[in-house]
């Protein structure tokens, strides 16, 4: 798989999923966790994506300040925060 395809395939899948979930926007991550059962499958998927991105963020080599800012963005703006972090915040892996 070449570099262009390896980037665009997950980006395309994630973008499609995000567009599907865009109609499910609303409360932040804390509010979703408190009422997870009453919000339906979209809320569950959004919470799972948020948790995945938070784990990825905290395992990254970013500074503590950057991690804090990205975590707040992901927590308080769940869908847009995940999209922003996916496209702008993740470190690019360079193959030798």
Protein backbone atom coordinates (compact mmCIF):
# COMPACT_ATOMS: atom_id res chain seq x y z
CA UNK A 1 0.00 0.00 0.00
CA UNK A 2 1.54 3.31 -0.97
CA UNK A 3 1.70 6.36 1.33
CA UNK A 4 -1.17 8.19 -0.35
CA UNK A 5 -3.54 5.23 -0.15
CA UNK A 6 -2.56 4.37 3.40
CA UNK A 7 -3.55 7.89 4.50
CA UNK A 8 -6.68 8.40 2.43
CA UNK A 9 -8.38 5.05 3.06
CA UNK A 10 -8.79 5.54 6.85
CA UNK A 11 -9.47 9.24 6.33
CA UNK A 12 -12.28 8.43 3.91
CA UNK A 13 -13.79 5.84 6.24
CA UNK A 14 -13.54 8.15 9.26
CA UNK A 15 -14.98 11.08 7.29
CA UNK A 16 -17.97 9.02 6.15
CA UNK A 17 -18.59 7.80 9.69
CA UNK A 18 -18.32 11.34 11.01
CA UNK A 19 -20.77 12.67 8.45
CA UNK A 20 -23.17 9.88 9.42
CA UNK A 21 -22.81 10.80 13.09
CA UNK A 22 -23.04 14.55 12.48
CA UNK A 23 -26.78 14.38 13.01
CA UNK A 24 -26.12 12.91 16.44
CA UNK A 25 -24.21 15.87 17.82
CA UNK A 26 -25.17 17.44 21.09
CA UNK A 27 -23.82 16.99 24.60
CA UNK A 28 -20.15 16.70 25.54
CA UNK A 29 -18.43 13.48 26.57
CA UNK A 30 -19.29 13.78 30.28
CA UNK A 31 -22.99 14.31 29.57
CA UNK A 32 -23.02 11.37 27.16
CA UNK A 33 -21.38 9.09 29.75
CA UNK A 34 -23.92 10.03 32.43
CA UNK A 35 -26.86 9.12 30.19
CA UNK A 36 -25.31 6.58 27.84
CA UNK A 37 -28.20 4.13 27.77
CA UNK A 38 -30.83 6.72 26.87
CA UNK A 39 -29.11 8.26 23.87
CA UNK A 40 -28.98 5.44 21.36
CA UNK A 41 -26.32 3.84 19.19
CA UNK A 42 -24.91 7.10 17.81
CA UNK A 43 -23.95 8.26 21.29
CA UNK A 44 -22.26 4.95 22.04
CA UNK A 45 -20.19 5.16 18.84
CA UNK A 46 -19.21 8.77 19.61
CA UNK A 47 -18.13 7.85 23.16
CA UNK A 48 -16.07 4.93 21.83
CA UNK A 49 -14.36 7.17 19.26
CA UNK A 50 -13.67 9.81 21.92
CA UNK A 51 -12.10 7.25 24.24
CA UNK A 52 -9.95 5.82 21.41
CA UNK A 53 -8.70 9.27 20.47
CA UNK A 54 -8.02 10.17 24.11
CA UNK A 55 -5.96 6.98 24.58
CA UNK A 56 -4.06 7.72 21.39
CA UNK A 57 -3.49 11.30 22.53
CA UNK A 58 -2.17 10.36 25.96
CA UNK A 59 0.18 7.75 24.44
CA UNK A 60 1.61 10.30 21.99
CA UNK A 61 4.86 12.20 22.44
CA UNK A 62 3.17 15.61 22.59
CA UNK A 63 3.93 18.01 25.43
CA UNK A 64 1.64 18.08 28.46
CA UNK A 65 0.15 21.41 27.39
CA UNK A 66 -0.69 20.13 23.92
CA UNK A 67 -2.23 16.99 25.39
CA UNK A 68 -4.39 19.07 27.74
CA UNK A 69 -5.64 21.34 24.95
CA UNK A 70 -6.42 18.44 22.60
CA UNK A 71 -8.14 16.51 25.43
CA UNK A 72 -10.38 19.49 26.21
CA UNK A 73 -11.27 19.88 22.54
CA UNK A 74 -12.11 16.17 22.20
CA UNK A 75 -14.12 16.12 25.44
CA UNK A 76 -16.16 19.28 24.97
CA UNK A 77 -16.64 19.14 21.18
CA UNK A 78 -16.79 15.37 20.61
CA UNK A 79 -17.37 14.99 16.87
CA UNK A 80 -15.51 18.08 15.69
CA UNK A 81 -12.75 17.43 18.22
CA UNK A 82 -12.16 13.91 16.90
CA UNK A 83 -12.10 15.18 13.33
CA UNK A 84 -9.72 18.01 14.18
CA UNK A 85 -7.39 15.71 16.09
CA UNK A 86 -7.47 13.09 13.33
CA UNK A 87 -6.56 15.55 10.57
CA UNK A 88 -4.48 18.13 12.44
CA UNK A 89 -3.25 16.76 15.77
CA UNK A 90 -1.94 13.30 15.04
CA UNK A 91 1.76 12.99 14.35
CA UNK A 92 2.67 11.88 10.86
CA UNK A 93 4.59 8.61 10.72
CA UNK A 94 7.52 8.80 8.34
CA UNK A 95 8.76 5.64 6.66
CA UNK A 96 12.51 5.40 6.07
